[in-house]
Protein backbone atom coordinates (compact mmCIF):
# COMPACT_ATOMS: atom_id res chain seq x y z
CA MET A 1 0.36 30.97 14.50
CA GLN A 2 -2.29 31.93 11.36
CA MET A 3 -1.43 30.69 7.93
CA GLU A 4 -1.25 32.54 4.13
CA ASN A 5 -0.58 29.51 2.68
CA ILE A 6 0.03 25.87 2.44
CA ILE A 7 2.06 24.09 0.21
CA VAL A 8 1.12 19.56 0.23
CA ILE A 9 3.36 17.32 -2.22
CA GLY A 10 2.36 14.85 -3.19
CA ALA A 11 -1.21 13.87 -4.71
CA GLY A 12 -1.64 10.20 -3.87
CA GLN A 13 -4.71 9.65 -1.38
CA ALA A 14 -2.79 11.25 1.41
CA GLY A 15 -2.89 14.07 0.15
CA ALA A 16 -6.27 15.17 -1.71
CA ALA A 17 -7.63 13.95 1.31
CA LEU A 18 -5.13 15.98 3.59
CA CYS A 19 -6.56 19.47 1.25
CA ALA A 20 -9.63 17.94 1.42
CA LYS A 21 -9.96 17.91 5.70
CA LEU A 22 -8.34 21.32 5.24
CA ARG A 23 -10.73 23.66 3.49
CA ASP A 24 -13.50 21.13 5.52
CA LEU A 25 -11.63 22.44 8.99
CA GLY A 26 -12.60 26.86 7.52
CA TYR A 27 -8.81 27.06 6.62
CA GLU A 28 -9.16 29.36 4.11
CA GLY A 29 -5.99 30.24 3.32
CA GLY A 30 -3.68 30.33 0.63
CA LEU A 31 -3.82 25.74 -0.86
CA SER A 32 -1.46 24.38 -3.43
CA LEU A 33 -0.92 20.13 -4.03
CA ILE A 34 1.90 19.36 -6.10
CA GLY A 35 1.47 15.94 -8.32
CA ASP A 36 4.50 14.61 -10.57
CA GLU A 37 1.73 11.98 -12.68
CA PRO A 38 -0.58 14.66 -14.74
CA GLU A 39 -3.57 12.32 -13.43
CA PRO A 40 -5.42 14.13 -10.12
CA PRO A 41 -5.24 12.09 -7.68
CA TYR A 42 -6.86 8.59 -7.37
CA GLN A 43 -7.58 5.47 -5.66
CA ARG A 44 -4.86 3.32 -6.51
CA PRO A 45 -6.40 -0.41 -5.22
CA PRO A 46 -8.21 -0.84 -7.87
CA LEU A 47 -5.46 -0.21 -10.52
CA SER A 48 -4.44 -4.10 -10.28
CA LYS A 49 -7.81 -5.99 -10.17
CA ALA A 50 -10.60 -4.09 -11.86
CA TYR A 51 -8.74 -0.81 -13.95
CA LEU A 52 -7.18 -3.94 -15.65
CA LEU A 53 -9.17 -5.80 -16.15
CA GLY A 54 -10.70 -3.40 -18.02
CA GLU A 55 -13.95 -2.75 -15.51
CA MET A 56 -13.67 0.08 -14.77
CA GLU A 57 -12.72 3.26 -16.01
CA LYS A 58 -10.37 5.56 -15.59
CA GLU A 59 -12.80 8.56 -14.75
CA ARG A 60 -13.90 5.85 -11.57
CA LEU A 61 -10.56 5.45 -10.04
CA TYR A 62 -10.28 9.97 -9.99
CA LEU A 63 -10.86 10.29 -5.90
CA ARG A 64 -12.83 14.47 -6.26
CA PRO A 65 -14.41 15.15 -9.68
CA ALA A 66 -12.02 17.68 -11.72
CA GLU A 67 -14.19 20.74 -10.80
CA PHE A 68 -13.59 20.15 -7.05
CA TYR A 69 -10.34 21.29 -7.05
CA GLY A 70 -11.93 24.63 -8.84
CA ALA A 71 -15.01 24.56 -5.85
CA GLN A 72 -13.06 24.53 -3.10
CA ASN A 73 -10.12 26.91 -4.29
CA ILE A 74 -7.64 24.24 -4.63
CA GLU A 75 -4.66 24.66 -7.07
CA LEU A 76 -3.72 21.50 -8.26
CA ILE A 77 -0.92 20.85 -10.04
CA THR A 78 -0.31 17.46 -12.41
CA GLY A 79 2.86 16.85 -13.69
CA GLN A 80 6.06 18.08 -11.92
CA SER A 81 8.16 16.95 -9.45
CA ALA A 82 9.02 19.24 -6.11
CA ALA A 83 13.01 19.46 -7.28
CA GLN A 84 13.76 21.11 -3.73
CA ILE A 85 12.66 22.59 -0.64
CA ASP A 86 14.75 25.84 0.58
CA ARG A 87 13.33 25.41 4.51
CA GLY A 88 15.11 29.00 5.16
CA ARG A 89 13.66 30.93 2.13
CA LYS A 90 10.61 28.46 3.16
CA THR A 91 10.00 28.26 -0.69
CA VAL A 92 9.30 24.94 -2.83
CA ARG A 93 11.65 25.09 -5.85
CA LEU A 94 8.80 24.12 -8.80
CA GLY A 95 10.79 24.19 -12.65
CA ASP A 96 11.66 27.47 -13.15
CA LYS A 97 9.61 28.41 -10.33
CA GLU A 98 9.48 29.21 -6.81
CA LEU A 99 6.61 29.01 -4.01
CA PRO A 100 6.43 30.32 -1.15
CA TYR A 101 4.47 28.56 2.24
CA ASP A 102 3.68 29.08 5.80
CA ALA A 103 4.06 25.29 6.25
CA LEU A 104 4.10 22.31 3.51
CA ALA A 105 2.81 18.79 4.61
CA LEU A 106 4.49 15.79 2.55
CA THR A 107 2.12 12.99 1.76
CA THR A 108 4.75 11.40 -1.58
CA GLY A 109 3.85 8.14 -0.45
CA ALA A 110 5.60 5.03 -2.00
CA GLN A 111 7.49 3.59 -5.43
CA ALA A 112 7.80 -0.04 -6.66
CA ARG A 113 11.16 -1.43 -6.06
CA GLY A 114 12.04 -2.08 -9.20
CA LEU A 115 14.46 -5.20 -10.25
CA PRO A 116 18.56 -3.72 -11.05
CA ALA A 117 19.56 -3.81 -14.22
CA ALA A 118 22.47 -6.15 -14.20
CA LEU A 119 19.60 -8.63 -13.85
CA GLY A 120 16.88 -6.82 -16.36
CA GLY A 121 14.84 -4.67 -14.62
CA ASP A 122 15.30 -2.09 -17.35
CA LEU A 123 14.46 -4.91 -20.05
CA ASP A 124 10.92 -4.12 -22.31
CA GLY A 125 8.45 -5.91 -20.69
CA VAL A 126 9.31 -6.31 -16.58
CA PHE A 127 7.03 -4.47 -15.10
CA THR A 128 6.42 -2.33 -11.63
CA LEU A 129 2.61 -1.69 -10.35
CA ARG A 130 2.49 0.99 -8.60
CA SER A 131 1.04 3.66 -11.25
CA LEU A 132 -1.70 4.23 -14.29
CA ALA A 133 0.97 4.85 -16.68
CA ASP A 134 2.09 1.18 -15.27
CA MET A 135 -0.94 -1.25 -15.71
CA ASP A 136 -1.23 0.94 -19.53
CA ALA A 137 2.11 -0.35 -20.69
CA LEU A 138 1.19 -3.58 -18.79
CA ALA A 139 -2.65 -3.71 -19.86
CA PRO A 140 -1.71 -5.73 -23.91
CA LYS A 141 0.30 -8.24 -22.03
CA ILE A 142 -2.56 -9.61 -20.18
CA ARG A 143 -4.19 -11.80 -22.73
CA ALA A 144 -4.60 -15.90 -22.64
CA GLY A 145 -1.94 -17.62 -23.70
CA ALA A 146 0.82 -15.46 -22.69
CA LYS A 147 3.68 -16.60 -20.05
CA ALA A 148 3.66 -14.00 -17.17
CA LEU A 149 7.05 -14.48 -14.29
CA ILE A 150 5.88 -12.19 -11.70
CA ILE A 151 9.02 -11.94 -9.02
CA GLY A 152 7.79 -11.94 -5.39
CA GLY A 153 5.61 -13.50 -3.03
CA GLY A 154 3.80 -10.02 -1.63
CA TYR A 155 -0.12 -9.01 -1.62
CA ILE A 156 0.92 -7.45 -4.19
CA GLY A 157 2.90 -10.48 -6.50
CA LEU A 158 -0.03 -12.71 -5.34
CA GLU A 159 -2.71 -10.42 -6.92
CA ALA A 160 -1.24 -10.00 -9.96
CA ALA A 161 -1.14 -13.51 -10.41
CA ALA A 162 -4.98 -14.01 -9.87
CA VAL A 163 -5.72 -10.66 -12.37
CA ALA A 164 -2.92 -13.07 -14.61
CA ALA A 165 -4.78 -16.47 -13.95
CA LYS A 166 -7.93 -15.27 -14.69
CA GLN A 167 -7.04 -13.72 -18.42
CA GLY A 168 -5.71 -16.92 -19.20
CA VAL A 169 -1.70 -16.86 -18.59
CA GLN A 170 -0.11 -18.98 -17.71
CA VAL A 171 1.08 -17.49 -14.40
CA THR A 172 5.10 -18.63 -12.82
CA LEU A 173 5.46 -16.96 -9.67
CA ILE A 174 9.15 -17.28 -7.88
CA GLU A 175 9.72 -16.33 -4.02
CA ARG A 176 13.50 -16.00 -2.76
CA GLU A 177 12.44 -16.32 0.79
CA ALA A 178 11.48 -19.92 2.30
CA ARG A 179 7.90 -18.67 1.33
CA ILE A 180 5.08 -16.85 0.59
CA LEU A 181 3.49 -14.31 2.41
CA SER A 182 6.87 -14.32 4.51
CA ARG A 183 6.35 -10.65 5.84
CA VAL A 184 3.37 -10.44 6.22
CA ALA A 185 1.22 -13.44 7.04
CA ALA A 186 1.69 -16.48 9.15
CA PRO A 187 2.25 -19.53 7.20
CA GLN A 188 -1.65 -20.91 7.77
CA THR A 189 -2.56 -18.27 5.84
CA ALA A 190 0.37 -18.31 3.16
CA GLU A 191 -0.36 -21.89 2.87
CA TYR A 192 -4.69 -20.83 2.34
CA PHE A 193 -3.16 -18.67 -0.90
CA ARG A 194 -0.62 -21.05 -1.71
CA ALA A 195 -3.62 -23.63 -2.67
CA LEU A 196 -5.96 -21.25 -3.44
CA HIS A 197 -3.50 -19.75 -6.88
CA ARG A 198 -2.00 -23.68 -7.35
CA ALA A 199 -6.14 -25.03 -8.10
CA HIS A 200 -6.03 -21.85 -10.33
CA GLY A 201 -3.31 -23.22 -12.17
CA VAL A 202 -0.70 -20.85 -11.16
CA GLN A 203 2.96 -22.16 -11.03
CA ILE A 204 4.32 -21.25 -7.34
CA CYS A 205 8.08 -21.29 -6.07
CA GLU A 206 9.39 -20.71 -2.53
CA GLY A 207 13.22 -20.69 -2.10
CA ILE A 208 14.18 -19.61 -6.00
CA GLY A 209 15.83 -16.67 -6.49
CA LEU A 210 16.17 -14.63 -10.02
CA THR A 211 19.87 -15.18 -10.87
CA ARG A 212 19.60 -12.89 -14.14
CA LEU A 213 16.23 -11.32 -16.85
CA ILE A 214 16.93 -13.19 -20.85
CA ALA A 215 16.00 -10.82 -23.33
CA ALA A 216 16.39 -10.65 -27.42
CA ASP A 217 16.48 -7.64 -28.66
CA GLY A 218 16.11 -5.37 -25.67
CA GLU A 219 12.75 -7.69 -24.26
CA VAL A 220 12.83 -9.75 -21.72
CA ARG A 221 11.76 -13.26 -23.38
CA GLY A 222 12.58 -15.29 -20.20
CA ALA A 223 13.85 -16.26 -17.08
CA GLU A 224 17.18 -18.31 -15.03
CA LEU A 225 16.52 -19.16 -12.07
CA SER A 226 18.68 -19.72 -9.22
CA ASP A 227 17.81 -23.53 -9.38
CA GLY A 228 19.59 -23.59 -12.47
CA ARG A 229 16.01 -23.37 -14.57
CA GLU A 230 15.10 -20.77 -17.56
CA ILE A 231 11.76 -20.63 -18.02
CA ALA A 232 10.33 -18.46 -20.84
CA ALA A 233 8.45 -15.55 -20.27
CA ASP A 234 6.48 -12.97 -22.48
CA PHE A 235 6.29 -10.63 -20.09
CA VAL A 236 7.57 -9.81 -16.28
CA ILE A 237 5.81 -8.09 -13.27
CA VAL A 238 8.03 -7.10 -10.40
CA GLY A 239 6.58 -6.97 -6.68
CA ILE A 240 8.95 -6.77 -4.21
CA GLY A 241 8.38 -3.95 -2.10
CA VAL A 242 7.73 -0.12 -2.13
CA ILE A 243 10.70 2.82 -0.77
CA PRO A 244 9.16 5.73 0.77
CA GLY A 245 9.13 8.26 -0.74
CA GLU A 246 11.80 10.44 1.42
CA ALA A 247 14.34 11.84 -1.39
CA LEU A 248 13.40 15.53 -0.99
CA ALA A 249 12.88 15.61 2.91
CA GLN A 250 16.66 13.70 2.61
CA ALA A 251 17.72 16.38 0.69
CA ALA A 252 15.99 19.14 2.25
CA GLY A 253 17.74 17.97 6.19
CA LEU A 254 14.54 16.16 7.51
CA ALA A 255 15.43 13.51 9.64
CA CYS A 256 14.29 10.29 7.41
CA ASP A 257 14.88 6.64 8.28
CA HIS A 258 13.19 3.95 5.73
CA GLY A 259 10.28 7.25 6.46
CA ILE A 260 10.19 10.05 7.09
CA LYS A 261 10.34 10.25 10.66
CA VAL A 262 7.10 12.20 12.50
CA ASP A 263 5.89 12.62 15.51
CA GLY A 264 2.56 11.70 17.28
CA GLN A 265 0.93 14.40 15.35
CA GLY A 266 2.94 14.33 12.18
CA ARG A 267 5.34 16.79 12.90
CA THR A 268 8.79 16.50 10.59
CA SER A 269 12.47 17.68 12.51
CA ASP A 270 11.67 21.07 11.45
CA PRO A 271 8.06 22.26 13.13
CA SER A 272 7.17 24.33 9.64
CA ILE A 273 6.12 21.03 7.71
CA TRP A 274 3.83 17.33 8.02
CA ALA A 275 3.97 14.79 6.41
CA ALA A 276 1.42 11.51 6.14
CA GLY A 277 0.64 8.10 4.57
CA ASP A 278 2.76 6.04 3.08
CA CYS A 279 5.86 7.76 3.65
CA THR A 280 6.00 8.12 7.03
CA VAL A 281 7.93 6.76 9.99
CA PHE A 282 6.28 6.70 13.43
CA ALA A 283 6.39 5.08 16.80
CA PHE A 284 3.34 2.97 17.21
CA GLY A 285 3.44 -0.43 19.80
CA GLY A 286 6.72 0.62 20.75
CA ALA A 287 8.47 0.23 17.76
CA PRO A 288 9.18 2.62 14.77
CA THR A 289 6.21 1.87 12.10
CA ARG A 290 5.40 2.95 8.45
CA LEU A 291 1.53 1.86 7.49
CA GLU A 292 1.52 1.17 2.78
CA SER A 293 -2.75 1.41 3.65
CA VAL A 294 -5.30 3.09 2.50
CA GLN A 295 -6.76 3.63 6.30
CA ASN A 296 -3.68 4.78 7.60
CA ALA A 297 -2.98 7.73 4.57
CA ILE A 298 -6.57 9.22 4.42
CA ASP A 299 -6.93 8.77 8.87
CA GLN A 300 -2.76 10.28 8.73
CA ALA A 301 -3.74 12.55 6.57
CA GLU A 302 -7.30 13.90 8.59
CA ALA A 303 -4.79 13.90 11.65
CA VAL A 304 -2.27 15.92 10.24
CA ALA A 305 -4.41 18.46 8.70
CA ALA A 306 -6.08 18.80 11.87
CA ASN A 307 -2.64 19.57 14.55
CA MET A 308 -1.97 21.42 11.09
CA LEU A 309 -4.45 23.51 12.20
CA GLY A 310 -4.03 24.03 15.93
CA ALA A 311 -5.16 20.83 16.08
CA GLU A 312 -2.27 19.15 18.78
CA ILE A 313 -3.88 15.81 18.61
CA ASP A 314 -2.09 12.10 18.61
CA TYR A 315 -2.42 10.09 15.61
CA ALA A 316 -3.95 6.74 17.59
CA PRO A 317 -4.07 4.38 13.66
CA LYS A 318 -6.25 1.38 13.80
CA PRO A 319 -4.82 -0.77 11.31
CA TRP A 320 -6.96 -3.11 8.88
CA PHE A 321 -6.40 -3.98 4.51
CA TRP A 322 -7.79 -6.39 2.52
CA SER A 323 -6.71 -8.09 -0.43
CA ASP A 324 -8.35 -9.71 -3.00
CA GLN A 325 -7.08 -12.61 -5.57
CA TYR A 326 -10.26 -14.39 -7.14
CA ASP A 327 -13.22 -14.97 -5.21
CA VAL A 328 -11.56 -14.43 -1.78
CA LYS A 329 -12.08 -10.89 0.12
CA LEU A 330 -8.79 -11.86 2.51
CA GLN A 331 -9.91 -8.48 5.16
CA ILE A 332 -6.98 -7.81 7.98
CA ALA A 333 -7.59 -6.49 11.16
CA GLY A 334 -4.63 -5.35 13.22
CA LEU A 335 -0.15 -6.17 12.84
CA ASN A 336 0.80 -9.48 13.07
CA ARG A 337 3.59 -7.73 14.77
CA GLY A 338 5.55 -9.85 17.87
CA TYR A 339 2.28 -12.75 17.97
CA ASP A 340 3.08 -16.22 19.22
CA GLN A 341 0.30 -18.03 18.99
CA LEU A 342 -2.05 -18.24 15.71
CA VAL A 343 -5.45 -19.70 16.22
CA VAL A 344 -7.13 -21.04 12.76
CA ARG A 345 -10.90 -21.11 12.54
CA PRO A 346 -13.15 -22.47 10.11
CA GLY A 347 -16.06 -20.48 8.62
CA ALA A 348 -19.74 -20.71 8.39
CA ARG A 349 -19.53 -21.13 4.50
CA GLU A 350 -17.28 -23.34 3.13
CA GLY A 351 -13.90 -22.48 2.01
CA SER A 352 -14.14 -18.85 4.51
CA ARG A 353 -12.06 -18.98 6.86
CA SER A 354 -9.82 -16.77 9.62
CA HIS A 355 -6.76 -16.69 11.29
CA TRP A 356 -6.94 -14.56 15.17
CA TYR A 357 -2.73 -13.63 15.82
CA PHE A 358 -2.30 -13.36 19.97
CA GLY A 359 0.24 -12.32 21.90
CA LYS A 360 1.45 -12.66 25.23
CA GLY A 361 -1.89 -13.13 25.28
CA GLN A 362 -3.17 -10.32 23.64
CA LEU A 363 -5.39 -10.07 20.40
CA LEU A 364 -3.43 -8.51 17.66
CA ALA A 365 -5.23 -8.95 14.15
CA VAL A 366 -6.49 -11.00 11.76
CA ASP A 367 -6.58 -12.51 8.81
CA ALA A 368 -9.96 -13.20 7.88
CA MET A 369 -10.94 -14.99 4.21
CA ASN A 370 -14.32 -14.92 3.29
CA ASP A 371 -15.25 -13.42 6.84
CA PRO A 372 -16.09 -10.53 7.23
CA ARG A 373 -18.45 -11.16 10.64
CA ALA A 374 -15.16 -12.42 11.87
CA TYR A 375 -13.09 -9.48 10.50
CA MET A 376 -15.52 -6.96 11.54
CA ILE A 377 -15.78 -8.24 14.73
CA GLY A 378 -12.51 -8.78 15.53
CA LYS A 379 -11.47 -5.36 13.88
CA ARG A 380 -14.04 -4.24 17.15
CA LEU A 381 -11.49 -5.81 20.03
CA ILE A 382 -8.78 -4.38 18.80
CA GLU A 383 -9.80 -1.33 18.88
CA ALA A 384 -11.92 -1.55 21.94
CA GLY A 385 -8.14 -3.77 23.44
CA ARG A 386 -10.25 -6.50 24.44
CA SER A 387 -8.95 -9.88 24.51
CA PRO A 388 -11.21 -13.35 24.36
CA ALA A 389 -9.61 -16.19 25.40
CA SER A 390 -8.04 -18.91 22.60
CA ALA A 391 -9.30 -21.16 23.52
CA GLN A 392 -12.13 -19.70 22.83
CA ILE A 393 -12.03 -18.46 19.20
CA ALA A 394 -10.91 -21.75 18.64
CA ASP A 395 -13.90 -23.66 19.73
CA PRO A 396 -15.87 -23.66 16.53
CA GLU A 397 -18.85 -23.40 19.36
CA THR A 398 -18.21 -20.33 20.59
CA ASP A 399 -20.41 -17.54 19.48
CA LEU A 400 -18.59 -15.09 17.79
CA LYS A 401 -20.78 -12.03 18.99
CA VAL A 402 -20.97 -12.63 22.81
CA LEU A 403 -17.37 -12.27 22.70
CA MET A 404 -18.33 -8.84 21.76
CA ALA A 405 -21.03 -8.43 24.17
CA GLY A 406 -18.56 -9.70 27.29
């Protein structure tokens, strides 16, 4: 089908990658990229690290120079939210305008899950960590001697704790589950990062939730915890996960289930509408899956761009993730979903190690802490569908390179 006009809603990593790939593949028709933030598409991972610490200027966050979009004949519309999709008329309502499309792509990402107002989520001094505006508002609070409460012991909360502690903030982190990283990592990985944070002065409280935030004159001053304690806090960071950007799709009647449902090629339940990135849910490894990562946003978006132009190739994700905390770089390959065995392997350097997840004898994932060699070899093995014996991994005398050659 000849397409004269494509609209992409969501000007994040996936949206920017999708538009660039369409042009790389020779699409010459109309192309609009709509974003609700005032900035052009930018990187999110450095926001809570280098940018928050003042080590990276805003312009360095941008995925492309400002002139790229004009040079590629991409109409970049920032600071505006798409209000409605009319599937019958194939239009997108933007303010008082209606934009026609032949094909539409939704790259609406995910939004930070906020703390309910009933608990104090609407108080001044309560922050989430998702956008440039979030970081600009938080930055003045990150100062030596300040007291911070971080709610949530996932990677978002732990990364925020590391940044704040490095700046001399007194940090208390609470996690209502029995341990940190309970939904994403093995107890051994949680133990490693718990010890790391405590060594940097962070107070980690597991199995403890928030009863309410305490305020004075509309500003947060502290918190009452589920164990009855009250603690002081000059500011609060909420890191309790994200909500996939499916509201626009739901309102348009597209199939959604904790994300916009897409087939293997990225089509939604409407054949003229596609989706890519954090907002999507698709079948992977025999289960509905939503991958929140830069890698998936780029790779899936580029696959969708090709399929919009007729490639008809199923997207085969190769999950990998990373997290920087203090002087530790965590690199993750694969998904540990369904593991029944974990092998701990010491690294060559002090403090380095890797955790290898197996399920029914199959290598599923690797967590590598300051061990890039283990990460790279584990990633290659997983992507090749090869599984060394767990006993080989457990043996520190085993040369990992031999596993690749075998």
